[in-house]
N, C-alpha and C. Protein backbone atom coordinates (compact mmCIF):
# COMPACT_ATOMS: atom_id res chain seq x y z
N MET A 1 0.85 -1.19 0.00
CA MET A 1 0.00 0.00 0.00
C MET A 1 0.89 1.24 0.00
N ILE A 2 0.42 2.27 -0.66
CA ILE A 2 1.16 3.53 -0.77
C ILE A 2 0.52 4.54 0.17
N PRO A 3 1.30 5.08 1.12
CA PRO A 3 0.74 6.09 2.03
C PRO A 3 0.44 7.38 1.28
N LEU A 4 -0.67 8.00 1.64
CA LEU A 4 -1.12 9.23 0.98
C LEU A 4 -1.23 10.38 1.97
N ARG A 5 -1.28 11.58 1.40
CA ARG A 5 -1.62 12.79 2.17
C ARG A 5 -2.44 13.68 1.25
N VAL A 6 -3.15 14.62 1.86
CA VAL A 6 -3.94 15.57 1.09
C VAL A 6 -3.01 16.66 0.59
N LEU A 7 -2.96 16.83 -0.72
CA LEU A 7 -2.19 17.93 -1.31
C LEU A 7 -3.01 19.20 -1.25
N THR A 8 -4.27 19.12 -1.68
CA THR A 8 -5.16 20.29 -1.62
C THR A 8 -6.60 19.83 -1.77
N LEU A 9 -7.48 20.70 -1.38
CA LEU A 9 -8.91 20.51 -1.56
C LEU A 9 -9.40 21.74 -2.30
N VAL A 10 -9.89 21.55 -3.52
CA VAL A 10 -10.34 22.66 -4.36
C VAL A 10 -11.86 22.71 -4.31
N VAL A 11 -12.39 23.84 -3.82
CA VAL A 11 -13.83 24.00 -3.70
C VAL A 11 -14.25 25.18 -4.56
N PRO A 12 -14.75 24.93 -5.79
CA PRO A 12 -15.17 26.03 -6.67
C PRO A 12 -16.52 26.59 -6.24
N GLY A 13 -17.10 27.38 -7.11
CA GLY A 13 -18.38 28.03 -6.80
C GLY A 13 -19.54 27.06 -6.70
N GLN A 14 -20.70 27.61 -6.40
CA GLN A 14 -21.93 26.85 -6.22
C GLN A 14 -22.22 25.95 -7.42
N GLY A 15 -22.70 24.76 -7.12
CA GLY A 15 -23.14 23.85 -8.17
C GLY A 15 -22.04 23.10 -8.89
N GLN A 16 -20.80 23.35 -8.56
CA GLN A 16 -19.69 22.66 -9.22
C GLN A 16 -19.05 21.69 -8.23
N PRO A 17 -18.62 20.52 -8.71
CA PRO A 17 -18.01 19.56 -7.80
C PRO A 17 -16.65 20.04 -7.31
N ALA A 18 -16.32 19.63 -6.11
CA ALA A 18 -15.01 19.93 -5.54
C ALA A 18 -14.04 18.83 -5.97
N VAL A 19 -12.75 19.09 -5.78
CA VAL A 19 -11.73 18.09 -6.11
C VAL A 19 -10.81 17.93 -4.91
N LEU A 20 -10.73 16.70 -4.44
CA LEU A 20 -9.75 16.34 -3.42
C LEU A 20 -8.53 15.84 -4.16
N VAL A 21 -7.37 16.46 -3.92
CA VAL A 21 -6.15 16.06 -4.61
C VAL A 21 -5.22 15.42 -3.57
N LEU A 22 -4.93 14.16 -3.79
CA LEU A 22 -4.04 13.40 -2.91
C LEU A 22 -2.70 13.20 -3.60
N GLU A 23 -1.68 12.95 -2.79
CA GLU A 23 -0.36 12.61 -3.33
C GLU A 23 0.28 11.59 -2.40
N PRO A 24 1.19 10.79 -2.93
CA PRO A 24 1.91 9.87 -2.05
C PRO A 24 2.70 10.67 -1.01
N SER A 25 2.63 10.25 0.24
CA SER A 25 3.39 10.96 1.27
C SER A 25 4.82 10.45 1.31
N ASP A 26 5.08 9.40 0.57
CA ASP A 26 6.41 8.81 0.47
C ASP A 26 6.63 8.47 -1.00
N ASP A 27 7.55 9.18 -1.65
CA ASP A 27 7.77 8.97 -3.09
C ASP A 27 8.65 7.76 -3.39
N LYS A 28 9.08 7.04 -2.36
CA LYS A 28 9.95 5.89 -2.58
C LYS A 28 9.24 4.86 -3.45
N GLY A 29 9.96 4.35 -4.40
CA GLY A 29 9.40 3.32 -5.27
C GLY A 29 8.66 3.88 -6.48
N LEU A 30 8.42 5.19 -6.52
CA LEU A 30 7.75 5.79 -7.67
C LEU A 30 8.79 6.43 -8.57
N THR A 31 8.61 6.28 -9.87
CA THR A 31 9.58 6.84 -10.82
C THR A 31 9.37 8.33 -11.05
N GLU A 32 8.17 8.82 -10.75
CA GLU A 32 7.88 10.25 -10.91
C GLU A 32 6.82 10.66 -9.88
N ALA A 33 6.76 11.95 -9.60
CA ALA A 33 5.76 12.46 -8.67
C ALA A 33 4.37 12.27 -9.27
N ARG A 34 3.41 11.86 -8.45
CA ARG A 34 2.06 11.57 -8.92
C ARG A 34 1.04 12.28 -8.03
N ILE A 35 -0.13 12.59 -8.62
CA ILE A 35 -1.27 13.10 -7.86
C ILE A 35 -2.49 12.26 -8.19
N ILE A 36 -3.42 12.24 -7.24
CA ILE A 36 -4.67 11.50 -7.43
C ILE A 36 -5.82 12.46 -7.21
N PRO A 37 -6.47 12.93 -8.29
CA PRO A 37 -7.63 13.80 -8.12
C PRO A 37 -8.90 12.96 -7.93
N ILE A 38 -9.70 13.35 -6.96
CA ILE A 38 -10.97 12.67 -6.72
C ILE A 38 -12.06 13.73 -6.70
N TRP A 39 -13.00 13.63 -7.65
CA TRP A 39 -14.11 14.58 -7.71
C TRP A 39 -15.11 14.22 -6.62
N ILE A 40 -15.50 15.22 -5.83
CA ILE A 40 -16.40 14.97 -4.71
C ILE A 40 -17.48 16.04 -4.66
N GLY A 41 -18.53 15.77 -3.93
CA GLY A 41 -19.61 16.73 -3.76
C GLY A 41 -19.27 17.80 -2.74
N THR A 42 -20.07 18.83 -2.70
CA THR A 42 -19.81 19.95 -1.78
C THR A 42 -19.95 19.54 -0.32
N HIS A 43 -20.88 18.65 -0.01
CA HIS A 43 -21.03 18.20 1.38
C HIS A 43 -19.81 17.41 1.84
N GLU A 44 -19.30 16.56 0.96
CA GLU A 44 -18.10 15.80 1.28
C GLU A 44 -16.90 16.73 1.44
N ALA A 45 -16.83 17.75 0.58
CA ALA A 45 -15.74 18.73 0.68
C ALA A 45 -15.81 19.49 2.00
N ALA A 46 -17.02 19.85 2.42
CA ALA A 46 -17.18 20.55 3.69
C ALA A 46 -16.72 19.68 4.85
N ALA A 47 -17.09 18.41 4.84
CA ALA A 47 -16.69 17.49 5.91
C ALA A 47 -15.17 17.32 5.95
N LEU A 48 -14.56 17.20 4.77
CA LEU A 48 -13.10 17.09 4.71
C LEU A 48 -12.42 18.38 5.17
N GLY A 49 -12.96 19.51 4.74
CA GLY A 49 -12.40 20.80 5.16
C GLY A 49 -12.43 20.96 6.67
N ILE A 50 -13.53 20.57 7.29
CA ILE A 50 -13.66 20.64 8.75
C ILE A 50 -12.61 19.75 9.41
N ALA A 51 -12.40 18.55 8.86
CA ALA A 51 -11.40 17.64 9.42
C ALA A 51 -9.99 18.18 9.23
N LEU A 52 -9.69 18.67 8.02
CA LEU A 52 -8.34 19.17 7.73
C LEU A 52 -7.99 20.39 8.58
N GLU A 53 -8.97 21.26 8.78
CA GLU A 53 -8.73 22.48 9.55
C GLU A 53 -8.96 22.28 11.05
N GLN A 54 -9.36 21.08 11.44
CA GLN A 54 -9.63 20.73 12.83
C GLN A 54 -10.62 21.70 13.48
N VAL A 55 -11.68 22.01 12.75
CA VAL A 55 -12.72 22.91 13.23
C VAL A 55 -13.58 22.17 14.26
N LYS A 56 -13.82 22.82 15.37
CA LYS A 56 -14.70 22.27 16.40
C LYS A 56 -16.07 22.91 16.26
N LEU A 57 -17.06 22.11 15.93
CA LEU A 57 -18.43 22.60 15.76
C LEU A 57 -19.16 22.53 17.10
N PRO A 58 -20.18 23.40 17.28
CA PRO A 58 -20.92 23.37 18.55
C PRO A 58 -21.68 22.06 18.76
N ARG A 59 -22.08 21.41 17.70
CA ARG A 59 -22.78 20.12 17.76
C ARG A 59 -22.02 19.14 16.86
N PRO A 60 -22.05 17.86 17.18
CA PRO A 60 -21.29 16.90 16.37
C PRO A 60 -21.84 16.75 14.95
N ALA A 61 -20.93 16.77 14.00
CA ALA A 61 -21.29 16.47 12.61
C ALA A 61 -21.35 14.94 12.46
N THR A 62 -21.82 14.47 11.34
CA THR A 62 -22.00 13.03 11.13
C THR A 62 -20.71 12.25 11.36
N HIS A 63 -19.59 12.74 10.83
CA HIS A 63 -18.31 12.04 11.01
C HIS A 63 -17.87 12.05 12.46
N ASP A 64 -18.13 13.15 13.17
CA ASP A 64 -17.80 13.21 14.59
C ASP A 64 -18.63 12.20 15.38
N LEU A 65 -19.91 12.10 15.04
CA LEU A 65 -20.81 11.15 15.69
C LEU A 65 -20.32 9.71 15.46
N LEU A 66 -19.96 9.38 14.23
CA LEU A 66 -19.48 8.04 13.94
C LEU A 66 -18.18 7.75 14.67
N LEU A 67 -17.27 8.72 14.71
CA LEU A 67 -16.01 8.54 15.44
C LEU A 67 -16.27 8.34 16.93
N ASP A 68 -17.22 9.09 17.50
CA ASP A 68 -17.59 8.90 18.90
C ASP A 68 -18.14 7.49 19.13
N ALA A 69 -18.97 7.01 18.21
CA ALA A 69 -19.52 5.65 18.33
C ALA A 69 -18.41 4.61 18.28
N ILE A 70 -17.49 4.77 17.35
CA ILE A 70 -16.36 3.85 17.24
C ILE A 70 -15.56 3.84 18.53
N THR A 71 -15.26 5.02 19.06
CA THR A 71 -14.49 5.14 20.29
C THR A 71 -15.22 4.52 21.47
N ASN A 72 -16.53 4.78 21.58
CA ASN A 72 -17.31 4.23 22.69
C ASN A 72 -17.49 2.72 22.60
N LEU A 73 -17.24 2.15 21.45
CA LEU A 73 -17.27 0.69 21.29
C LEU A 73 -15.87 0.10 21.46
N ASP A 74 -14.97 0.90 22.06
CA ASP A 74 -13.58 0.49 22.33
C ASP A 74 -12.84 0.08 21.07
N ALA A 75 -13.10 0.79 20.00
CA ALA A 75 -12.40 0.54 18.74
C ALA A 75 -11.68 1.81 18.32
N THR A 76 -10.73 1.67 17.43
CA THR A 76 -10.03 2.82 16.85
C THR A 76 -9.93 2.60 15.34
N ILE A 77 -9.75 3.70 14.64
CA ILE A 77 -9.51 3.61 13.20
C ILE A 77 -8.03 3.31 13.01
N ASP A 78 -7.74 2.17 12.43
CA ASP A 78 -6.36 1.79 12.18
C ASP A 78 -5.84 2.50 10.94
N HIS A 79 -6.62 2.44 9.86
CA HIS A 79 -6.25 3.12 8.63
C HIS A 79 -7.42 3.08 7.65
N ALA A 80 -7.29 3.86 6.60
CA ALA A 80 -8.22 3.84 5.48
C ALA A 80 -7.40 3.50 4.24
N VAL A 81 -8.04 2.83 3.30
CA VAL A 81 -7.31 2.48 2.08
C VAL A 81 -8.26 2.57 0.88
N ILE A 82 -7.80 3.27 -0.15
CA ILE A 82 -8.53 3.33 -1.42
C ILE A 82 -8.17 2.04 -2.16
N THR A 83 -9.17 1.23 -2.41
CA THR A 83 -8.93 -0.13 -2.89
C THR A 83 -9.16 -0.36 -4.37
N ASP A 84 -10.04 0.46 -4.97
CA ASP A 84 -10.43 0.15 -6.34
C ASP A 84 -11.01 1.40 -7.00
N MET A 85 -11.06 1.36 -8.32
CA MET A 85 -11.74 2.40 -9.09
C MET A 85 -12.53 1.66 -10.17
N ARG A 86 -13.84 1.80 -10.11
CA ARG A 86 -14.72 1.17 -11.10
C ARG A 86 -15.37 2.28 -11.90
N GLY A 87 -15.04 2.35 -13.17
CA GLY A 87 -15.47 3.49 -13.97
C GLY A 87 -14.75 4.72 -13.44
N GLN A 88 -15.50 5.69 -13.01
CA GLN A 88 -14.92 6.90 -12.41
C GLN A 88 -15.15 6.95 -10.90
N THR A 89 -15.58 5.84 -10.32
CA THR A 89 -15.92 5.80 -8.90
C THR A 89 -14.86 5.06 -8.10
N PHE A 90 -14.30 5.74 -7.11
CA PHE A 90 -13.33 5.12 -6.21
C PHE A 90 -14.06 4.36 -5.11
N HIS A 91 -13.43 3.30 -4.63
CA HIS A 91 -13.94 2.51 -3.51
C HIS A 91 -12.85 2.45 -2.45
N ALA A 92 -13.28 2.37 -1.19
CA ALA A 92 -12.31 2.37 -0.10
C ALA A 92 -12.79 1.46 1.03
N ASN A 93 -11.88 1.16 1.92
CA ASN A 93 -12.19 0.45 3.16
C ASN A 93 -11.71 1.29 4.33
N LEU A 94 -12.47 1.24 5.40
CA LEU A 94 -12.08 1.82 6.68
C LEU A 94 -11.77 0.63 7.58
N VAL A 95 -10.55 0.57 8.08
CA VAL A 95 -10.12 -0.58 8.88
C VAL A 95 -10.06 -0.16 10.35
N LEU A 96 -10.85 -0.86 11.16
CA LEU A 96 -10.93 -0.58 12.59
C LEU A 96 -10.22 -1.68 13.37
N LYS A 97 -9.72 -1.30 14.55
CA LYS A 97 -9.16 -2.27 15.50
C LYS A 97 -10.00 -2.21 16.76
N GLN A 98 -10.40 -3.38 17.23
CA GLN A 98 -11.14 -3.49 18.48
C GLN A 98 -10.48 -4.63 19.25
N GLY A 99 -9.57 -4.26 20.15
CA GLY A 99 -8.76 -5.28 20.81
C GLY A 99 -7.89 -5.96 19.78
N ASP A 100 -7.97 -7.29 19.72
CA ASP A 100 -7.18 -8.02 18.72
C ASP A 100 -8.01 -8.34 17.47
N ARG A 101 -9.18 -7.76 17.38
CA ARG A 101 -10.08 -7.96 16.24
C ARG A 101 -9.90 -6.85 15.21
N THR A 102 -9.85 -7.20 13.93
CA THR A 102 -9.80 -6.23 12.84
C THR A 102 -11.14 -6.24 12.13
N ILE A 103 -11.71 -5.04 11.94
CA ILE A 103 -13.00 -4.90 11.28
C ILE A 103 -12.80 -4.05 10.04
N THR A 104 -13.18 -4.55 8.88
CA THR A 104 -13.04 -3.82 7.62
C THR A 104 -14.42 -3.42 7.13
N LEU A 105 -14.60 -2.12 6.93
CA LEU A 105 -15.88 -1.58 6.48
C LEU A 105 -15.74 -0.99 5.08
N ASP A 106 -16.69 -1.27 4.21
CA ASP A 106 -16.76 -0.65 2.89
C ASP A 106 -17.12 0.82 3.10
N ALA A 107 -16.44 1.72 2.41
CA ALA A 107 -16.69 3.15 2.61
C ALA A 107 -16.40 3.93 1.34
N ARG A 108 -16.99 5.11 1.26
CA ARG A 108 -16.58 6.04 0.20
C ARG A 108 -15.21 6.60 0.62
N PRO A 109 -14.32 6.84 -0.33
CA PRO A 109 -13.01 7.36 0.04
C PRO A 109 -13.07 8.64 0.88
N THR A 110 -13.99 9.55 0.53
CA THR A 110 -14.05 10.80 1.29
C THR A 110 -14.44 10.56 2.74
N ASP A 111 -15.36 9.64 2.98
CA ASP A 111 -15.74 9.34 4.36
C ASP A 111 -14.60 8.66 5.10
N ALA A 112 -13.96 7.70 4.46
CA ALA A 112 -12.85 6.98 5.09
C ALA A 112 -11.70 7.93 5.41
N ILE A 113 -11.36 8.81 4.47
CA ILE A 113 -10.27 9.76 4.70
C ILE A 113 -10.65 10.78 5.76
N SER A 114 -11.87 11.28 5.71
CA SER A 114 -12.33 12.25 6.70
C SER A 114 -12.25 11.67 8.11
N LEU A 115 -12.68 10.43 8.27
CA LEU A 115 -12.60 9.78 9.58
C LEU A 115 -11.16 9.51 9.99
N ALA A 116 -10.33 9.07 9.04
CA ALA A 116 -8.92 8.81 9.35
C ALA A 116 -8.23 10.10 9.81
N ILE A 117 -8.50 11.20 9.13
CA ILE A 117 -7.90 12.48 9.52
C ILE A 117 -8.33 12.86 10.93
N ARG A 118 -9.62 12.72 11.23
CA ARG A 118 -10.12 13.05 12.56
C ARG A 118 -9.46 12.20 13.64
N GLN A 119 -9.18 10.93 13.34
CA GLN A 119 -8.56 10.01 14.30
C GLN A 119 -7.04 10.15 14.32
N GLY A 120 -6.48 10.80 13.29
CA GLY A 120 -5.02 10.88 13.19
C GLY A 120 -4.44 9.58 12.63
N ALA A 121 -5.25 8.84 11.89
CA ALA A 121 -4.82 7.56 11.31
C ALA A 121 -4.34 7.77 9.88
N PRO A 122 -3.45 6.90 9.41
CA PRO A 122 -2.96 7.03 8.04
C PRO A 122 -4.00 6.56 7.02
N PHE A 123 -3.80 6.99 5.78
CA PHE A 123 -4.63 6.49 4.69
C PHE A 123 -3.74 6.18 3.50
N TYR A 124 -4.16 5.18 2.74
CA TYR A 124 -3.34 4.58 1.70
C TYR A 124 -4.11 4.38 0.41
N MET A 125 -3.35 3.98 -0.62
CA MET A 125 -3.93 3.52 -1.88
C MET A 125 -3.24 2.20 -2.22
N GLU A 126 -4.01 1.25 -2.71
CA GLU A 126 -3.43 -0.02 -3.15
C GLU A 126 -2.40 0.26 -4.25
N ASP A 127 -1.27 -0.42 -4.19
CA ASP A 127 -0.20 -0.23 -5.17
C ASP A 127 -0.70 -0.38 -6.60
N SER A 128 -1.51 -1.40 -6.83
CA SER A 128 -1.98 -1.70 -8.19
C SER A 128 -2.89 -0.60 -8.75
N LEU A 129 -3.45 0.22 -7.88
CA LEU A 129 -4.36 1.28 -8.31
C LEU A 129 -3.63 2.58 -8.65
N MET A 130 -2.42 2.76 -8.12
CA MET A 130 -1.70 4.03 -8.29
C MET A 130 -1.52 4.39 -9.77
N GLU A 131 -1.06 3.48 -10.58
CA GLU A 131 -0.82 3.78 -12.00
C GLU A 131 -2.13 4.08 -12.73
N LYS A 132 -3.18 3.37 -12.38
CA LYS A 132 -4.47 3.53 -13.03
C LYS A 132 -5.16 4.83 -12.63
N ALA A 133 -5.00 5.27 -11.39
CA ALA A 133 -5.79 6.38 -10.86
C ALA A 133 -5.03 7.69 -10.70
N SER A 134 -3.72 7.68 -10.94
CA SER A 134 -2.93 8.88 -10.69
C SER A 134 -2.41 9.50 -11.98
N TYR A 135 -1.94 10.72 -11.85
CA TYR A 135 -1.41 11.48 -12.98
C TYR A 135 -0.06 12.07 -12.58
N PRO A 136 0.83 12.30 -13.56
CA PRO A 136 2.10 12.94 -13.23
C PRO A 136 1.87 14.32 -12.61
N TYR A 137 2.67 14.63 -11.60
CA TYR A 137 2.58 15.92 -10.92
C TYR A 137 3.69 16.80 -11.48
N VAL A 138 3.37 17.58 -12.49
CA VAL A 138 4.39 18.35 -13.21
C VAL A 138 4.88 19.56 -12.43
N PHE A 139 4.18 19.98 -11.40
CA PHE A 139 4.58 21.16 -10.63
C PHE A 139 5.32 20.80 -9.35
N LYS A 140 5.64 19.55 -9.15
CA LYS A 140 6.30 19.09 -7.93
C LYS A 140 7.62 19.83 -7.71
N GLU A 141 8.43 19.99 -8.75
CA GLU A 141 9.72 20.66 -8.60
C GLU A 141 9.55 22.10 -8.17
N ALA A 142 8.57 22.79 -8.73
CA ALA A 142 8.34 24.19 -8.35
C ALA A 142 8.00 24.28 -6.87
N ARG A 143 7.23 23.35 -6.37
CA ARG A 143 6.88 23.37 -4.96
C ARG A 143 8.12 23.15 -4.11
N ASP A 144 9.02 22.26 -4.54
CA ASP A 144 10.24 22.02 -3.81
C ASP A 144 11.12 23.26 -3.78
N GLU A 145 11.18 24.02 -4.89
CA GLU A 145 11.95 25.25 -4.93
C GLU A 145 11.37 26.28 -3.96
N GLU A 146 10.05 26.35 -3.87
CA GLU A 146 9.41 27.27 -2.93
C GLU A 146 9.78 26.90 -1.50
N THR A 147 9.82 25.63 -1.20
CA THR A 147 10.20 25.17 0.14
C THR A 147 11.64 25.56 0.44
N GLU A 148 12.53 25.36 -0.53
CA GLU A 148 13.93 25.74 -0.34
C GLU A 148 14.06 27.24 -0.13
N PHE A 149 13.30 28.04 -0.89
CA PHE A 149 13.34 29.48 -0.73
C PHE A 149 12.89 29.89 0.66
N GLU A 150 11.82 29.28 1.15
CA GLU A 150 11.31 29.59 2.48
C GLU A 150 12.33 29.21 3.56
N GLU A 151 12.98 28.07 3.41
CA GLU A 151 14.01 27.66 4.36
C GLU A 151 15.17 28.65 4.35
N PHE A 152 15.56 29.12 3.17
CA PHE A 152 16.64 30.09 3.07
C PHE A 152 16.24 31.41 3.73
N ARG A 153 14.99 31.84 3.51
CA ARG A 153 14.51 33.07 4.13
C ARG A 153 14.54 32.94 5.67
N GLN A 154 14.15 31.79 6.19
CA GLN A 154 14.19 31.57 7.63
C GLN A 154 15.63 31.61 8.14
N PHE A 155 16.56 31.07 7.35
CA PHE A 155 17.97 31.13 7.72
C PHE A 155 18.43 32.59 7.80
N LEU A 156 18.07 33.39 6.78
CA LEU A 156 18.46 34.80 6.77
C LEU A 156 17.85 35.56 7.94
N ASP A 157 16.61 35.24 8.27
CA ASP A 157 15.95 35.90 9.40
C ASP A 157 16.64 35.58 10.72
N GLY A 158 17.32 34.45 10.77
CA GLY A 158 17.95 34.01 12.01
C GLY A 158 19.38 34.47 12.20
N ILE A 159 19.94 35.16 11.22
CA ILE A 159 21.33 35.60 11.38
C ILE A 159 21.37 37.09 11.73
N ALA A 160 22.46 37.48 12.38
CA ALA A 160 22.65 38.87 12.80
C ALA A 160 24.01 39.35 12.30
N PRO A 161 24.21 40.67 12.22
CA PRO A 161 25.50 41.20 11.76
C PRO A 161 26.69 40.66 12.57
N GLU A 162 26.46 40.39 13.85
CA GLU A 162 27.55 39.87 14.70
C GLU A 162 28.05 38.51 14.23
N ASP A 163 27.22 37.79 13.53
CA ASP A 163 27.60 36.46 13.05
C ASP A 163 28.72 36.52 12.02
N PHE A 164 28.99 37.71 11.45
CA PHE A 164 29.99 37.84 10.39
C PHE A 164 31.30 38.44 10.89
N LYS A 165 31.46 38.58 12.18
CA LYS A 165 32.70 39.15 12.74
C LYS A 165 33.74 38.11 12.94
């Protein structure tokens, strides 16, 4: 399985689907940088946004309620995994641990990822699905240059004239 992370969540205007963009969190074993775009509805995007930003709502949202139920049943979310793509529809599993018992639940990827993020659990994609469902990430190098620039700026901010005496 390939570990994933959220690269971005794109939420356009009213009536248009959002896009969850995932990327491998570990590029080892891949010959090039890849991204996985998943088209999702606005409600799913809102739930993911709340999880990503760690927003605390005054009343529990559906994912919070489910996570509370899982916790109260002495179970934890072990991980989520995107297992298949049939047509344009992704399929996933949410894997729970309850003592020494493993429970695998069929789930939509957005629900599985949203719950995994809330629990702090990892999420993955099956190796065999990566080539079929991902695209080359042509802007990866530009992002790395931005990171290097920011690190250099932090270095410059941390030095003083006395350092050159």
